[in-house]
Amino acid sequence: MTTAAKLLAQKQQLLERLQEDPGPNERSEIERLLEQIDTALNLLDEDGSGEGPD
């Protein structure tokens, strides 16, 4: 499994947790983690590891 695939799987799990209506502290932690994943995916894409432009 590639790094991007792992990040996308982790992002999906976090998004599913958000749908379960977590408390405010958990919600902010999930949102922080989602931002980190998005940043990492953007860096991978800029590095040429992506499938192409959006």
N, C-alpha and C. Protein backbone atom coordinates (compact mmCIF):
# COMPACT_ATOMS: atom_id res chain seq x y z
N MET A 1 0.85 -1.19 0.00
CA MET A 1 0.00 0.00 0.00
C MET A 1 0.89 1.24 0.00
N THR A 2 0.58 2.18 -0.88
CA THR A 2 1.38 3.40 -0.97
C THR A 2 1.07 4.34 0.19
N THR A 3 1.95 5.30 0.38
CA THR A 3 1.74 6.31 1.41
C THR A 3 0.43 7.05 1.17
N ALA A 4 0.19 7.42 -0.07
CA ALA A 4 -1.04 8.15 -0.39
C ALA A 4 -2.27 7.30 -0.07
N ALA A 5 -2.21 6.02 -0.39
CA ALA A 5 -3.34 5.14 -0.11
C ALA A 5 -3.58 5.02 1.40
N LYS A 6 -2.50 4.95 2.17
CA LYS A 6 -2.63 4.88 3.63
C LYS A 6 -3.27 6.15 4.16
N LEU A 7 -2.82 7.29 3.65
CA LEU A 7 -3.37 8.57 4.10
C LEU A 7 -4.85 8.68 3.74
N LEU A 8 -5.20 8.25 2.54
CA LEU A 8 -6.60 8.32 2.13
C LEU A 8 -7.47 7.39 2.97
N ALA A 9 -6.95 6.23 3.33
CA ALA A 9 -7.71 5.31 4.19
C ALA A 9 -7.90 5.92 5.57
N GLN A 10 -6.85 6.55 6.09
CA GLN A 10 -6.94 7.20 7.41
C GLN A 10 -7.94 8.36 7.35
N LYS A 11 -7.89 9.11 6.26
CA LYS A 11 -8.82 10.23 6.10
C LYS A 11 -10.26 9.73 6.07
N GLN A 12 -10.51 8.62 5.38
CA GLN A 12 -11.86 8.06 5.31
C GLN A 12 -12.35 7.66 6.70
N GLN A 13 -11.47 7.04 7.50
CA GLN A 13 -11.85 6.64 8.85
C GLN A 13 -12.20 7.87 9.69
N LEU A 14 -11.43 8.93 9.56
CA LEU A 14 -11.69 10.14 10.33
C LEU A 14 -13.01 10.79 9.91
N LEU A 15 -13.26 10.80 8.60
CA LEU A 15 -14.51 11.37 8.11
C LEU A 15 -15.71 10.57 8.64
N GLU A 16 -15.55 9.25 8.71
CA GLU A 16 -16.63 8.43 9.27
C GLU A 16 -16.84 8.73 10.75
N ARG A 17 -15.77 8.97 11.48
CA ARG A 17 -15.90 9.33 12.89
C ARG A 17 -16.63 10.67 13.04
N LEU A 18 -16.37 11.61 12.14
CA LEU A 18 -17.06 12.90 12.20
C LEU A 18 -18.56 12.71 12.01
N GLN A 19 -18.96 11.75 11.18
CA GLN A 19 -20.38 11.50 10.92
C GLN A 19 -21.09 10.96 12.16
N GLU A 20 -20.32 10.41 13.09
CA GLU A 20 -20.90 9.84 14.31
C GLU A 20 -21.17 10.89 15.38
N ASP A 21 -21.04 12.16 15.01
CA ASP A 21 -21.32 13.28 15.90
C ASP A 21 -20.51 13.23 17.21
N PRO A 22 -19.18 13.34 17.06
CA PRO A 22 -18.33 13.30 18.27
C PRO A 22 -18.49 14.58 19.09
N GLY A 23 -17.98 14.54 20.32
CA GLY A 23 -17.99 15.72 21.16
C GLY A 23 -17.07 16.79 20.59
N PRO A 24 -17.15 18.02 21.12
CA PRO A 24 -16.37 19.13 20.56
C PRO A 24 -14.86 18.90 20.61
N ASN A 25 -14.36 18.29 21.68
CA ASN A 25 -12.91 18.05 21.76
C ASN A 25 -12.46 17.04 20.72
N GLU A 26 -13.22 15.96 20.59
CA GLU A 26 -12.86 14.94 19.60
C GLU A 26 -13.00 15.50 18.19
N ARG A 27 -14.04 16.30 17.98
CA ARG A 27 -14.25 16.90 16.66
C ARG A 27 -13.06 17.77 16.26
N SER A 28 -12.57 18.60 17.17
CA SER A 28 -11.44 19.47 16.83
C SER A 28 -10.18 18.66 16.58
N GLU A 29 -10.00 17.56 17.32
CA GLU A 29 -8.85 16.69 17.10
C GLU A 29 -8.94 16.02 15.72
N ILE A 30 -10.12 15.54 15.36
CA ILE A 30 -10.32 14.92 14.05
C ILE A 30 -10.04 15.94 12.94
N GLU A 31 -10.55 17.15 13.10
CA GLU A 31 -10.35 18.18 12.08
C GLU A 31 -8.87 18.53 11.95
N ARG A 32 -8.14 18.55 13.07
CA ARG A 32 -6.71 18.82 13.03
C ARG A 32 -5.98 17.70 12.28
N LEU A 33 -6.34 16.47 12.54
CA LEU A 33 -5.73 15.33 11.85
C LEU A 33 -6.05 15.36 10.36
N LEU A 34 -7.28 15.73 10.02
CA LEU A 34 -7.65 15.82 8.60
C LEU A 34 -6.82 16.88 7.88
N GLU A 35 -6.56 17.99 8.55
CA GLU A 35 -5.72 19.03 7.95
C GLU A 35 -4.31 18.51 7.70
N GLN A 36 -3.77 17.75 8.67
CA GLN A 36 -2.43 17.18 8.51
C GLN A 36 -2.40 16.21 7.34
N ILE A 37 -3.42 15.40 7.20
CA ILE A 37 -3.49 14.44 6.09
C ILE A 37 -3.57 15.18 4.76
N ASP A 38 -4.41 16.21 4.69
CA ASP A 38 -4.53 16.99 3.46
C ASP A 38 -3.19 17.63 3.09
N THR A 39 -2.49 18.15 4.08
CA THR A 39 -1.17 18.75 3.83
C THR A 39 -0.21 17.70 3.30
N ALA A 40 -0.20 16.53 3.92
CA ALA A 40 0.70 15.46 3.48
C ALA A 40 0.36 15.02 2.05
N LEU A 41 -0.93 14.90 1.75
CA LEU A 41 -1.33 14.51 0.39
C LEU A 41 -0.92 15.57 -0.62
N ASN A 42 -1.06 16.84 -0.27
CA ASN A 42 -0.64 17.92 -1.16
C ASN A 42 0.86 17.87 -1.41
N LEU A 43 1.63 17.60 -0.36
CA LEU A 43 3.08 17.51 -0.52
C LEU A 43 3.45 16.32 -1.40
N LEU A 44 2.78 15.20 -1.23
CA LEU A 44 3.04 14.04 -2.09
C LEU A 44 2.72 14.37 -3.54
N ASP A 45 1.62 15.08 -3.75
CA ASP A 45 1.21 15.43 -5.10
C ASP A 45 2.23 16.36 -5.74
N GLU A 46 2.71 17.35 -4.99
CA GLU A 46 3.71 18.29 -5.51
C GLU A 46 5.03 17.58 -5.80
N ASP A 47 5.31 16.52 -5.05
CA ASP A 47 6.54 15.76 -5.22
C ASP A 47 6.52 14.90 -6.48
N GLY A 48 5.37 14.85 -7.15
CA GLY A 48 5.28 14.07 -8.36
C GLY A 48 4.78 12.67 -8.12
N SER A 49 4.34 12.38 -6.92
CA SER A 49 3.85 11.04 -6.60
C SER A 49 2.37 10.88 -6.92
N GLY A 50 1.73 11.96 -7.29
CA GLY A 50 0.29 11.90 -7.54
C GLY A 50 -0.02 11.36 -8.92
N GLU A 51 -1.31 11.23 -9.19
CA GLU A 51 -1.76 10.70 -10.45
C GLU A 51 -1.80 11.77 -11.54
N GLY A 52 -1.66 13.02 -11.18
CA GLY A 52 -1.72 14.10 -12.14
C GLY A 52 -2.40 15.31 -11.52
N PRO A 53 -2.59 16.35 -12.31
CA PRO A 53 -3.20 17.58 -11.76
C PRO A 53 -4.66 17.34 -11.41
N ASP A 54 -5.15 18.15 -10.47
CA ASP A 54 -6.56 18.06 -10.05
C ASP A 54 -7.48 18.60 -11.12
